[in-house]
Amino acid sequence: MLIDVQRLGPKLRRHRAGLTGGVAIIAAIWTVSARAEEQFKLLDAGQIRARVIGKDITDGPHWALYFRSDGTLIGSEGGSSWRGNWKIAKDRLCFTLPSTTQQECNEVWISGANIRMRTGKEQETFDAVVMTHQAK
């Protein structure tokens, strides 16, 4: 589960009634995080289409990927945007980035709104959140 503890820290300090309340909140966050870790499910092609296409995949403040239903991928990062394309092949979400001409195909794992993608079992995942597209 994606939790930016540094960003969450000031909110906890403002809203907690004391040390015990803050500890309880942090413990609850870690419990939810641990449960979410256990519940990631590998998606097949139909599930990828239903859960990801037409939505944004984002880390929140830094970057976003919008998978349009027409096969266009629109990315934004640091105030600039770019276009690529995507397709679903063999239960993987494949897309091109501006810096490459080859499509990168990723397994898609999901738990609630949290998403992980990786090219293979030995590869690191990239973690993000799936959300309703935010028109810019």
N, C-alpha and C. Protein backbone atom coordinates (compact mmCIF):
# COMPACT_ATOMS: atom_id res chain seq x y z
N MET A 1 0.85 -1.17 0.00
CA MET A 1 0.00 0.00 0.00
C MET A 1 0.89 1.23 0.00
N LEU A 2 0.50 2.22 -0.71
CA LEU A 2 1.32 3.42 -0.82
C LEU A 2 0.94 4.39 0.29
N ILE A 3 1.87 4.63 1.18
CA ILE A 3 1.65 5.59 2.25
C ILE A 3 2.89 6.44 2.35
N ASP A 4 2.75 7.73 2.17
CA ASP A 4 3.86 8.65 2.32
C ASP A 4 3.87 9.09 3.77
N VAL A 5 4.65 8.39 4.60
CA VAL A 5 4.66 8.63 6.03
C VAL A 5 5.14 10.04 6.35
N GLN A 6 6.10 10.57 5.60
CA GLN A 6 6.59 11.92 5.86
C GLN A 6 5.49 12.95 5.63
N ARG A 7 4.70 12.77 4.58
CA ARG A 7 3.63 13.71 4.29
C ARG A 7 2.49 13.54 5.28
N LEU A 8 2.28 12.31 5.73
CA LEU A 8 1.22 12.03 6.68
C LEU A 8 1.57 12.52 8.08
N GLY A 9 2.85 12.60 8.41
CA GLY A 9 3.30 12.99 9.74
C GLY A 9 2.68 14.27 10.27
N PRO A 10 2.73 15.40 9.54
CA PRO A 10 2.14 16.64 10.05
C PRO A 10 0.65 16.51 10.31
N LYS A 11 -0.07 15.76 9.50
CA LYS A 11 -1.49 15.57 9.72
C LYS A 11 -1.73 14.82 11.02
N LEU A 12 -0.89 13.80 11.26
CA LEU A 12 -1.03 13.06 12.51
C LEU A 12 -0.78 13.95 13.71
N ARG A 13 0.25 14.81 13.61
CA ARG A 13 0.56 15.69 14.74
C ARG A 13 -0.57 16.66 15.03
N ARG A 14 -1.23 17.18 13.99
CA ARG A 14 -2.31 18.13 14.18
C ARG A 14 -3.55 17.47 14.75
N HIS A 15 -3.82 16.24 14.40
CA HIS A 15 -5.10 15.62 14.73
C HIS A 15 -5.07 14.65 15.91
N ARG A 16 -3.93 14.25 16.34
CA ARG A 16 -3.94 13.28 17.43
C ARG A 16 -4.15 13.97 18.78
N ALA A 17 -4.78 13.27 19.68
CA ALA A 17 -5.08 13.82 21.00
C ALA A 17 -3.91 13.62 21.95
N GLY A 18 -2.94 12.88 21.58
CA GLY A 18 -1.79 12.62 22.43
C GLY A 18 -0.95 11.51 21.83
N LEU A 19 0.10 11.14 22.47
CA LEU A 19 1.00 10.12 21.98
C LEU A 19 0.29 8.80 21.73
N THR A 20 -0.60 8.42 22.64
CA THR A 20 -1.31 7.16 22.49
C THR A 20 -2.15 7.16 21.22
N GLY A 21 -2.86 8.25 20.96
CA GLY A 21 -3.68 8.35 19.75
C GLY A 21 -2.83 8.24 18.50
N GLY A 22 -1.67 8.92 18.49
CA GLY A 22 -0.78 8.86 17.33
C GLY A 22 -0.25 7.47 17.10
N VAL A 23 0.13 6.78 18.17
CA VAL A 23 0.64 5.42 18.05
C VAL A 23 -0.46 4.51 17.50
N ALA A 24 -1.68 4.70 17.97
CA ALA A 24 -2.80 3.88 17.49
C ALA A 24 -3.03 4.10 16.00
N ILE A 25 -2.95 5.34 15.56
CA ILE A 25 -3.15 5.64 14.14
C ILE A 25 -2.05 4.98 13.31
N ILE A 26 -0.81 5.13 13.73
CA ILE A 26 0.30 4.52 13.00
C ILE A 26 0.16 3.01 12.97
N ALA A 27 -0.22 2.41 14.09
CA ALA A 27 -0.42 0.95 14.12
C ALA A 27 -1.53 0.54 13.16
N ALA A 28 -2.60 1.32 13.09
CA ALA A 28 -3.70 1.01 12.18
C ALA A 28 -3.23 1.09 10.73
N ILE A 29 -2.43 2.10 10.41
CA ILE A 29 -1.93 2.25 9.05
C ILE A 29 -1.07 1.05 8.69
N TRP A 30 -0.18 0.63 9.58
CA TRP A 30 0.67 -0.52 9.28
C TRP A 30 -0.15 -1.79 9.14
N THR A 31 -1.23 -1.94 9.93
CA THR A 31 -2.08 -3.11 9.82
C THR A 31 -2.77 -3.14 8.46
N VAL A 32 -3.34 -2.00 8.04
CA VAL A 32 -3.99 -1.92 6.74
C VAL A 32 -2.97 -2.20 5.65
N SER A 33 -1.78 -1.63 5.79
CA SER A 33 -0.73 -1.84 4.80
C SER A 33 -0.39 -3.33 4.68
N ALA A 34 -0.24 -4.00 5.79
CA ALA A 34 0.11 -5.42 5.78
C ALA A 34 -1.00 -6.24 5.14
N ARG A 35 -2.27 -5.91 5.43
CA ARG A 35 -3.38 -6.64 4.82
C ARG A 35 -3.41 -6.41 3.32
N ALA A 36 -3.18 -5.18 2.89
CA ALA A 36 -3.19 -4.88 1.46
C ALA A 36 -2.08 -5.66 0.75
N GLU A 37 -0.93 -5.80 1.40
CA GLU A 37 0.17 -6.57 0.82
C GLU A 37 -0.28 -8.00 0.51
N GLU A 38 -1.05 -8.57 1.41
CA GLU A 38 -1.46 -9.95 1.27
C GLU A 38 -2.54 -10.13 0.21
N GLN A 39 -3.24 -9.08 -0.15
CA GLN A 39 -4.41 -9.21 -1.00
C GLN A 39 -4.17 -8.80 -2.46
N PHE A 40 -2.95 -8.57 -2.88
CA PHE A 40 -2.71 -8.24 -4.28
C PHE A 40 -3.05 -9.45 -5.14
N LYS A 41 -3.78 -9.18 -6.23
CA LYS A 41 -4.24 -10.23 -7.12
C LYS A 41 -3.76 -9.93 -8.53
N LEU A 42 -3.24 -10.94 -9.21
CA LEU A 42 -2.79 -10.80 -10.59
C LEU A 42 -4.02 -10.72 -11.49
N LEU A 43 -4.06 -9.70 -12.35
CA LEU A 43 -5.21 -9.51 -13.24
C LEU A 43 -4.98 -10.17 -14.59
N ASP A 44 -6.08 -10.64 -15.19
CA ASP A 44 -6.02 -11.14 -16.56
C ASP A 44 -6.43 -10.00 -17.50
N ALA A 45 -6.46 -10.26 -18.80
CA ALA A 45 -6.72 -9.21 -19.78
C ALA A 45 -8.04 -8.49 -19.54
N GLY A 46 -9.11 -9.24 -19.30
CA GLY A 46 -10.42 -8.62 -19.07
C GLY A 46 -10.44 -7.77 -17.82
N GLN A 47 -9.78 -8.25 -16.77
CA GLN A 47 -9.72 -7.50 -15.52
C GLN A 47 -8.88 -6.23 -15.68
N ILE A 48 -7.79 -6.31 -16.44
CA ILE A 48 -6.98 -5.12 -16.70
C ILE A 48 -7.83 -4.08 -17.41
N ARG A 49 -8.56 -4.51 -18.44
CA ARG A 49 -9.41 -3.59 -19.20
C ARG A 49 -10.44 -2.93 -18.27
N ALA A 50 -11.06 -3.72 -17.41
CA ALA A 50 -12.10 -3.20 -16.52
C ALA A 50 -11.56 -2.29 -15.42
N ARG A 51 -10.40 -2.61 -14.89
CA ARG A 51 -9.90 -1.89 -13.71
C ARG A 51 -8.94 -0.76 -14.01
N VAL A 52 -8.29 -0.76 -15.20
CA VAL A 52 -7.22 0.21 -15.48
C VAL A 52 -7.54 1.14 -16.65
N ILE A 53 -8.11 0.59 -17.71
CA ILE A 53 -8.32 1.39 -18.93
C ILE A 53 -9.38 2.47 -18.67
N GLY A 54 -9.07 3.69 -19.10
CA GLY A 54 -9.94 4.83 -18.87
C GLY A 54 -9.68 5.51 -17.54
N LYS A 55 -8.67 5.03 -16.83
CA LYS A 55 -8.34 5.58 -15.51
C LYS A 55 -6.92 6.11 -15.50
N ASP A 56 -6.57 6.76 -14.40
CA ASP A 56 -5.21 7.23 -14.17
C ASP A 56 -4.49 6.26 -13.25
N ILE A 57 -3.23 6.04 -13.52
CA ILE A 57 -2.32 5.37 -12.59
C ILE A 57 -1.35 6.47 -12.18
N THR A 58 -1.21 6.69 -10.87
CA THR A 58 -0.43 7.82 -10.40
C THR A 58 0.23 7.55 -9.06
N ASP A 59 1.29 8.29 -8.79
CA ASP A 59 1.88 8.27 -7.45
C ASP A 59 1.31 9.42 -6.64
N GLY A 60 0.42 10.20 -7.22
CA GLY A 60 -0.18 11.34 -6.54
C GLY A 60 0.38 12.65 -7.04
N PRO A 61 1.41 13.19 -6.39
CA PRO A 61 1.88 14.53 -6.74
C PRO A 61 2.88 14.62 -7.89
N HIS A 62 3.53 13.53 -8.27
CA HIS A 62 4.66 13.63 -9.19
C HIS A 62 4.36 13.24 -10.64
N TRP A 63 3.67 12.15 -10.85
CA TRP A 63 3.44 11.67 -12.21
C TRP A 63 2.09 10.96 -12.31
N ALA A 64 1.59 10.87 -13.55
CA ALA A 64 0.34 10.16 -13.82
C ALA A 64 0.40 9.57 -15.23
N LEU A 65 -0.23 8.42 -15.40
CA LEU A 65 -0.40 7.77 -16.69
C LEU A 65 -1.90 7.59 -16.91
N TYR A 66 -2.41 8.10 -18.04
CA TYR A 66 -3.82 7.95 -18.38
C TYR A 66 -3.93 7.02 -19.57
N PHE A 67 -4.58 5.87 -19.38
CA PHE A 67 -4.75 4.86 -20.42
C PHE A 67 -6.10 5.07 -21.09
N ARG A 68 -6.11 5.84 -22.17
CA ARG A 68 -7.36 6.11 -22.89
C ARG A 68 -7.85 4.85 -23.57
N SER A 69 -9.15 4.73 -23.73
CA SER A 69 -9.74 3.53 -24.31
C SER A 69 -9.38 3.34 -25.79
N ASP A 70 -8.89 4.38 -26.46
CA ASP A 70 -8.51 4.27 -27.87
C ASP A 70 -7.08 3.79 -28.08
N GLY A 71 -6.39 3.39 -27.00
CA GLY A 71 -5.02 2.89 -27.12
C GLY A 71 -3.95 3.95 -26.93
N THR A 72 -4.36 5.18 -26.64
CA THR A 72 -3.41 6.26 -26.41
C THR A 72 -3.06 6.30 -24.93
N LEU A 73 -1.80 6.47 -24.64
CA LEU A 73 -1.30 6.65 -23.29
C LEU A 73 -0.85 8.10 -23.16
N ILE A 74 -1.37 8.79 -22.17
CA ILE A 74 -0.97 10.17 -21.92
C ILE A 74 -0.29 10.20 -20.55
N GLY A 75 0.96 10.64 -20.56
CA GLY A 75 1.72 10.71 -19.32
C GLY A 75 2.00 12.15 -18.96
N SER A 76 2.11 12.39 -17.68
CA SER A 76 2.51 13.72 -17.22
C SER A 76 3.45 13.55 -16.04
N GLU A 77 4.42 14.44 -16.01
CA GLU A 77 5.41 14.42 -14.92
C GLU A 77 6.06 15.79 -14.85
N GLY A 78 6.07 16.35 -13.65
CA GLY A 78 6.75 17.63 -13.44
C GLY A 78 6.26 18.76 -14.32
N GLY A 79 4.97 18.79 -14.63
CA GLY A 79 4.43 19.88 -15.43
C GLY A 79 4.49 19.66 -16.93
N SER A 80 5.16 18.62 -17.40
CA SER A 80 5.20 18.35 -18.84
C SER A 80 4.40 17.08 -19.13
N SER A 81 3.93 16.96 -20.36
CA SER A 81 3.17 15.78 -20.73
C SER A 81 3.73 15.19 -22.03
N TRP A 82 3.38 13.95 -22.29
CA TRP A 82 3.83 13.23 -23.46
C TRP A 82 2.78 12.20 -23.84
N ARG A 83 2.92 11.62 -25.02
CA ARG A 83 1.99 10.60 -25.51
C ARG A 83 2.74 9.35 -25.92
N GLY A 84 2.09 8.24 -25.70
CA GLY A 84 2.58 6.95 -26.14
C GLY A 84 1.37 6.12 -26.53
N ASN A 85 1.53 4.81 -26.54
CA ASN A 85 0.39 3.96 -26.80
C ASN A 85 0.45 2.73 -25.92
N TRP A 86 -0.67 2.04 -25.82
CA TRP A 86 -0.75 0.85 -24.98
C TRP A 86 -1.58 -0.21 -25.68
N LYS A 87 -1.42 -1.45 -25.24
CA LYS A 87 -2.28 -2.55 -25.65
C LYS A 87 -2.20 -3.63 -24.57
N ILE A 88 -3.14 -4.52 -24.58
CA ILE A 88 -3.12 -5.66 -23.66
C ILE A 88 -2.77 -6.89 -24.49
N ALA A 89 -1.74 -7.60 -24.08
CA ALA A 89 -1.30 -8.81 -24.78
C ALA A 89 -0.92 -9.88 -23.76
N LYS A 90 -1.48 -11.05 -23.91
CA LYS A 90 -1.16 -12.19 -23.04
C LYS A 90 -1.28 -11.83 -21.56
N ASP A 91 -2.40 -11.22 -21.19
CA ASP A 91 -2.68 -10.84 -19.80
C ASP A 91 -1.66 -9.87 -19.22
N ARG A 92 -1.06 -9.07 -20.09
CA ARG A 92 -0.11 -8.05 -19.66
C ARG A 92 -0.48 -6.72 -20.28
N LEU A 93 -0.21 -5.65 -19.55
CA LEU A 93 -0.43 -4.29 -20.05
C LEU A 93 0.88 -3.82 -20.66
N CYS A 94 0.86 -3.60 -21.96
CA CYS A 94 2.06 -3.21 -22.69
C CYS A 94 1.93 -1.75 -23.11
N PHE A 95 3.02 -0.99 -22.98
CA PHE A 95 2.98 0.41 -23.40
C PHE A 95 4.36 0.89 -23.80
N THR A 96 4.38 1.95 -24.60
CA THR A 96 5.63 2.58 -25.00
C THR A 96 5.74 3.92 -24.30
N LEU A 97 6.96 4.28 -24.01
CA LEU A 97 7.27 5.57 -23.40
C LEU A 97 8.02 6.40 -24.44
N PRO A 98 8.06 7.72 -24.29
CA PRO A 98 8.72 8.55 -25.29
C PRO A 98 10.20 8.22 -25.49
N SER A 99 10.85 7.72 -24.48
CA SER A 99 12.28 7.44 -24.57
C SER A 99 12.59 6.10 -25.22
N THR A 100 11.57 5.30 -25.54
CA THR A 100 11.79 3.99 -26.13
C THR A 100 10.89 3.77 -27.34
N THR A 101 11.27 2.82 -28.16
CA THR A 101 10.40 2.43 -29.27
C THR A 101 9.82 1.04 -29.03
N GLN A 102 10.36 0.33 -28.06
CA GLN A 102 9.86 -1.00 -27.73
C GLN A 102 8.77 -0.91 -26.68
N GLN A 103 7.75 -1.75 -26.82
CA GLN A 103 6.73 -1.81 -25.79
C GLN A 103 7.24 -2.58 -24.60
N GLU A 104 6.93 -2.09 -23.44
CA GLU A 104 7.25 -2.77 -22.19
C GLU A 104 5.96 -3.41 -21.71
N CYS A 105 5.97 -4.73 -21.47
CA CYS A 105 4.78 -5.44 -21.05
C CYS A 105 4.90 -5.82 -19.58
N ASN A 106 3.85 -5.51 -18.83
CA ASN A 106 3.87 -5.68 -17.38
C ASN A 106 2.72 -6.54 -16.89
N GLU A 107 3.02 -7.41 -15.92
CA GLU A 107 1.96 -8.03 -15.14
C GLU A 107 1.29 -6.91 -14.36
N VAL A 108 0.00 -7.03 -14.11
CA VAL A 108 -0.72 -6.02 -13.33
C VAL A 108 -1.31 -6.71 -12.11
N TRP A 109 -0.92 -6.23 -10.94
CA TRP A 109 -1.39 -6.75 -9.66
C TRP A 109 -2.18 -5.63 -9.00
N ILE A 110 -3.30 -5.97 -8.35
CA ILE A 110 -4.12 -4.93 -7.76
C ILE A 110 -4.65 -5.36 -6.39
N SER A 111 -4.76 -4.39 -5.52
CA SER A 111 -5.38 -4.57 -4.21
C SER A 111 -6.14 -3.29 -3.90
N GLY A 112 -7.45 -3.33 -4.02
CA GLY A 112 -8.23 -2.10 -3.86
C GLY A 112 -7.83 -1.11 -4.93
N ALA A 113 -7.44 0.09 -4.52
CA ALA A 113 -6.99 1.12 -5.47
C ALA A 113 -5.49 1.05 -5.72
N ASN A 114 -4.79 0.19 -5.01
CA ASN A 114 -3.34 0.08 -5.15
C ASN A 114 -2.99 -0.86 -6.29
N ILE A 115 -2.01 -0.46 -7.08
CA ILE A 115 -1.62 -1.24 -8.25
C ILE A 115 -0.12 -1.42 -8.26
N ARG A 116 0.29 -2.58 -8.73
CA ARG A 116 1.71 -2.89 -8.93
C ARG A 116 1.87 -3.44 -10.33
N MET A 117 2.93 -3.02 -10.99
CA MET A 117 3.23 -3.55 -12.31
C MET A 117 4.69 -3.98 -12.31
N ARG A 118 4.95 -5.09 -13.01
CA ARG A 118 6.32 -5.56 -13.17
C ARG A 118 6.42 -6.36 -14.44
N THR A 119 7.62 -6.34 -15.04
CA THR A 119 7.81 -7.05 -16.30
C THR A 119 7.98 -8.55 -16.10
N GLY A 120 8.43 -8.97 -14.95
CA GLY A 120 8.61 -10.40 -14.67
C GLY A 120 8.79 -10.65 -13.19
N LYS A 121 8.78 -11.91 -12.81
CA LYS A 121 8.86 -12.28 -11.40
C LYS A 121 10.12 -11.78 -10.71
N GLU A 122 11.20 -11.70 -11.44
CA GLU A 122 12.46 -11.29 -10.84
C GLU A 122 12.64 -9.76 -10.84
N GLN A 123 11.72 -9.04 -11.47
CA GLN A 123 11.83 -7.59 -11.58
C GLN A 123 11.16 -6.91 -10.39
N GLU A 124 11.65 -5.72 -10.09
CA GLU A 124 11.01 -4.90 -9.06
C GLU A 124 9.67 -4.40 -9.59
N THR A 125 8.75 -4.16 -8.68
CA THR A 125 7.47 -3.60 -9.08
C THR A 125 7.53 -2.09 -9.05
N PHE A 126 6.63 -1.47 -9.78
CA PHE A 126 6.43 -0.06 -9.53
C PHE A 126 5.04 0.07 -8.98
N ASP A 127 4.94 0.73 -7.83
CA ASP A 127 3.70 0.84 -7.07
C ASP A 127 3.05 2.18 -7.30
N ALA A 128 1.74 2.17 -7.41
CA ALA A 128 0.98 3.40 -7.64
C ALA A 128 -0.46 3.18 -7.20
N VAL A 129 -1.32 4.11 -7.58
CA VAL A 129 -2.74 4.04 -7.25
C VAL A 129 -3.52 4.21 -8.54
N VAL A 130 -4.63 3.47 -8.67
CA VAL A 130 -5.54 3.62 -9.80
C VAL A 130 -6.68 4.50 -9.32
N MET A 131 -7.00 5.51 -10.14
CA MET A 131 -8.09 6.40 -9.75
C MET A 131 -8.85 6.89 -10.98
N THR A 132 -10.01 7.44 -10.76
CA THR A 132 -10.79 8.05 -11.84
C THR A 132 -9.94 9.09 -12.53
N HIS A 133 -10.04 9.15 -13.86
CA HIS A 133 -9.22 10.10 -14.61
C HIS A 133 -9.49 11.53 -14.17
N GLN A 134 -8.42 12.27 -13.94
CA GLN A 134 -8.49 13.67 -13.54
C GLN A 134 -8.17 14.52 -14.76
N ALA A 135 -9.19 15.04 -15.43
CA ALA A 135 -8.96 15.86 -16.63
C ALA A 135 -8.16 17.09 -16.25
N LYS A 136 -7.18 17.40 -17.09
CA LYS A 136 -6.31 18.53 -16.80
C LYS A 136 -6.46 19.58 -17.85
